[in-house]
Amino acid sequence: MQDLTGKVILITGASSGIGLATAHLVASRGAKVIINFHSNERGAMEAVQLIREKVGDAMAIQADVMKKEEVNSMVEQALSSFGTIDVLVNNAGGGIRQSSFMDMSEELWEETFRLNVNSVLLCSQAVLKHMIPKKNGKIINVSSAAARIGGAGESIHYASTKGAVNTMTLVCPES
């Protein structure tokens, strides 16, 4: 596995699940980790404590990644603490709640897109402002097989958002 010593990695939605596992993995490879969380402060603080005790340096930053002002503040806090962001892992997301296509409300459709697509846009833009001038950095977007095979009968909104994330990943001109 790649040595990440000295790299600074920001992971959104990292207080549980895939984001938390990613945080532990990259920390074990020597990276400094910024754990973003929205509401699970306990999970984020436990992760920071464990990483600091076992393998390295970490910090937690609360931010709603669907809100531009909070994303910009998160990035500024990260830069203030670690001086750079070498890798952004856009992991925050989820399937809010299920709904059949015919019963899907416009609000649920839009909320799912804000969480799973707009957050990727906002976080990527905020970090790219610092990566592009130094001509260095990586962005990793976490998606789902649902983007290719569709969601189960009541998850079309989730699958649609992950398809959008895949498209953004493939065609972003700055990548």
Protein backbone atom coordinates (compact mmCIF):
# COMPACT_ATOMS: atom_id res chain seq x y z
CA MET A 1 0.00 0.00 0.00
CA GLN A 2 1.06 3.56 -0.67
CA ASP A 3 2.94 5.46 2.01
CA LEU A 4 0.94 8.60 2.85
CA THR A 5 3.35 10.06 5.39
CA GLY A 6 2.92 13.81 5.60
CA LYS A 7 -0.15 13.92 3.36
CA VAL A 8 -3.23 15.75 4.65
CA ILE A 9 -6.51 14.07 3.80
CA LEU A 10 -9.96 15.59 4.35
CA ILE A 11 -12.75 13.02 4.46
CA THR A 12 -16.37 14.15 4.49
CA GLY A 13 -18.87 12.11 6.43
CA ALA A 14 -16.07 10.35 8.30
CA SER A 15 -17.61 9.84 11.74
CA SER A 16 -18.98 6.40 10.81
CA GLY A 17 -19.19 3.78 8.09
CA ILE A 18 -17.05 3.97 4.96
CA GLY A 19 -15.68 7.40 5.86
CA LEU A 20 -14.52 6.23 9.28
CA ALA A 21 -12.91 3.11 7.83
CA THR A 22 -11.16 5.28 5.24
CA ALA A 23 -9.90 7.62 7.97
CA HIS A 24 -8.38 4.72 9.90
CA LEU A 25 -6.82 3.26 6.76
CA VAL A 26 -5.14 6.45 5.56
CA ALA A 27 -3.99 7.31 9.09
CA SER A 28 -2.37 3.87 9.36
CA ARG A 29 -0.45 4.76 6.17
CA GLY A 30 0.90 7.97 7.76
CA ALA A 31 -1.60 10.61 6.64
CA LYS A 32 -2.87 13.43 8.79
CA VAL A 33 -6.65 13.10 8.77
CA ILE A 34 -9.41 15.67 8.93
CA ILE A 35 -12.66 14.01 9.88
CA ASN A 36 -15.70 15.96 8.76
CA PHE A 37 -18.97 15.27 10.50
CA HIS A 38 -22.40 16.84 10.45
CA SER A 39 -24.15 15.55 13.58
CA ASN A 40 -22.19 12.56 14.92
CA GLU A 41 -19.73 14.49 17.06
CA ARG A 42 -19.19 11.55 19.38
CA GLY A 43 -18.15 9.25 16.52
CA ALA A 44 -15.83 11.91 15.10
CA MET A 45 -14.16 12.61 18.45
CA GLU A 46 -13.70 8.91 19.16
CA ALA A 47 -12.08 8.47 15.75
CA VAL A 48 -9.73 11.41 16.34
CA GLN A 49 -8.75 10.07 19.74
CA LEU A 50 -8.08 6.56 18.43
CA ILE A 51 -6.03 7.83 15.48
CA ARG A 52 -3.96 10.07 17.75
CA GLU A 53 -3.35 7.25 20.24
CA LYS A 54 -2.49 4.59 17.67
CA VAL A 55 -1.00 6.04 14.52
CA GLY A 56 -0.91 9.76 13.94
CA ASP A 57 -2.49 13.14 13.76
CA ALA A 58 -6.17 13.89 13.24
CA MET A 59 -8.78 16.51 13.87
CA ALA A 60 -12.56 16.73 13.53
CA ILE A 61 -14.47 19.59 11.91
CA GLN A 62 -18.23 19.94 12.04
CA ALA A 63 -19.78 21.20 8.82
CA ASP A 64 -22.94 20.63 6.83
CA VAL A 65 -21.48 19.85 3.42
CA MET A 66 -24.71 20.98 1.75
CA LYS A 67 -24.00 24.58 2.82
CA LYS A 68 -21.34 26.55 0.95
CA GLU A 69 -20.47 28.80 3.91
CA GLU A 70 -19.89 25.82 6.19
CA VAL A 71 -17.83 24.01 3.56
CA ASN A 72 -15.63 27.08 3.04
CA SER A 73 -15.20 27.44 6.80
CA MET A 74 -14.26 23.75 7.10
CA VAL A 75 -11.61 24.08 4.41
CA GLU A 76 -10.20 27.24 6.01
CA GLN A 77 -10.02 25.51 9.41
CA ALA A 78 -8.24 22.55 7.84
CA LEU A 79 -5.75 24.80 6.06
CA SER A 80 -5.17 26.82 9.22
CA SER A 81 -4.41 23.65 11.19
CA PHE A 82 -2.41 21.62 8.66
CA GLY A 83 -1.34 24.15 6.02
CA THR A 84 -2.60 22.17 3.06
CA ILE A 85 -5.09 19.60 1.85
CA ASP A 86 -3.49 16.99 -0.39
CA VAL A 87 -6.52 14.74 -0.83
CA LEU A 88 -10.26 15.30 -0.53
CA VAL A 89 -12.46 12.24 -0.13
CA ASN A 90 -16.07 13.18 -0.91
CA ASN A 91 -17.75 10.47 1.13
CA ALA A 92 -20.71 12.20 2.81
CA GLY A 93 -24.00 11.02 1.44
CA GLY A 94 -26.80 8.58 1.78
CA GLY A 95 -30.23 7.51 0.79
CA ILE A 96 -32.26 9.79 3.10
CA ARG A 97 -35.41 7.63 2.83
CA GLN A 98 -37.00 5.34 0.28
CA SER A 99 -39.90 6.25 -1.94
CA SER A 100 -41.52 4.77 -5.00
CA PHE A 101 -41.02 6.77 -8.17
CA MET A 102 -44.70 7.71 -8.41
CA ASP A 103 -44.83 8.83 -4.78
CA MET A 104 -41.49 10.68 -4.88
CA SER A 105 -41.88 14.22 -3.64
CA GLU A 106 -39.96 17.01 -5.26
CA GLU A 107 -38.56 17.84 -1.82
CA LEU A 108 -37.12 14.33 -1.31
CA TRP A 109 -35.63 14.34 -4.82
CA GLU A 110 -33.99 17.74 -4.24
CA GLU A 111 -32.79 16.91 -0.72
CA THR A 112 -31.13 13.72 -1.98
CA PHE A 113 -29.38 15.68 -4.74
CA ARG A 114 -28.23 18.35 -2.27
CA LEU A 115 -26.70 15.70 -0.02
CA ASN A 116 -25.14 13.44 -2.63
CA VAL A 117 -24.32 15.76 -5.53
CA ASN A 118 -24.24 19.38 -4.40
CA SER A 119 -21.96 18.46 -1.48
CA VAL A 120 -19.43 16.99 -3.92
CA LEU A 121 -19.56 20.17 -6.00
CA LEU A 122 -19.19 22.50 -3.01
CA CYS A 123 -16.39 20.55 -1.32
CA SER A 124 -14.48 20.04 -4.57
CA GLN A 125 -14.69 23.71 -5.51
CA ALA A 126 -13.53 24.82 -2.07
CA VAL A 127 -10.53 22.50 -2.07
CA LEU A 128 -9.63 23.00 -5.74
CA LYS A 129 -9.09 26.71 -5.03
CA HIS A 130 -6.04 25.61 -3.05
CA MET A 131 -4.97 22.58 -5.09
CA ILE A 132 -4.93 24.20 -8.54
CA PRO A 133 -2.39 26.96 -7.71
CA LYS A 134 0.03 24.43 -6.21
CA LYS A 135 -0.63 22.01 -9.11
CA ASN A 136 -0.99 19.15 -6.68
CA GLY A 137 -3.80 17.23 -5.07
CA LYS A 138 -6.35 14.51 -5.57
CA ILE A 139 -10.11 14.29 -5.19
CA ILE A 140 -11.75 10.92 -4.60
CA ASN A 141 -15.53 10.73 -4.99
CA VAL A 142 -17.28 7.82 -3.26
CA SER A 143 -20.14 6.45 -5.32
CA SER A 144 -22.17 3.27 -5.46
CA ALA A 145 -22.90 0.33 -7.74
CA ALA A 146 -26.43 1.74 -7.79
CA ALA A 147 -25.12 4.33 -10.27
CA ARG A 148 -24.61 1.55 -12.83
CA ILE A 149 -27.36 -0.90 -11.99
CA GLY A 150 -30.02 1.46 -10.68
CA GLY A 151 -31.49 1.55 -7.24
CA ALA A 152 -33.93 -0.92 -5.83
CA GLY A 153 -37.53 -0.01 -6.62
CA GLU A 154 -37.64 2.72 -4.00
CA SER A 155 -34.13 4.13 -4.40
CA ILE A 156 -34.13 5.68 -7.87
CA HIS A 157 -33.34 9.10 -6.40
CA TYR A 158 -30.24 7.69 -4.65
CA ALA A 159 -29.05 5.85 -7.78
CA SER A 160 -29.60 8.99 -9.87
CA THR A 161 -27.40 11.05 -7.55
CA LYS A 162 -24.60 8.50 -7.64
CA GLY A 163 -24.78 8.49 -11.45
CA ALA A 164 -24.35 12.27 -11.31
CA VAL A 165 -21.31 11.88 -9.03
CA ASN A 166 -19.77 9.41 -11.48
CA THR A 167 -20.33 11.84 -14.35
CA MET A 168 -18.77 14.73 -12.41
CA THR A 169 -15.78 12.52 -11.62
CA LEU A 170 -15.26 11.62 -15.27
CA VAL A 171 -15.69 15.03 -16.85
CA CYS A 172 -14.39 17.56 -14.31
CA PRO A 173 -11.96 19.65 -16.41
CA GLU A 174 -9.65 20.33 -13.46
CA SER A 175 -9.16 16.63 -12.63
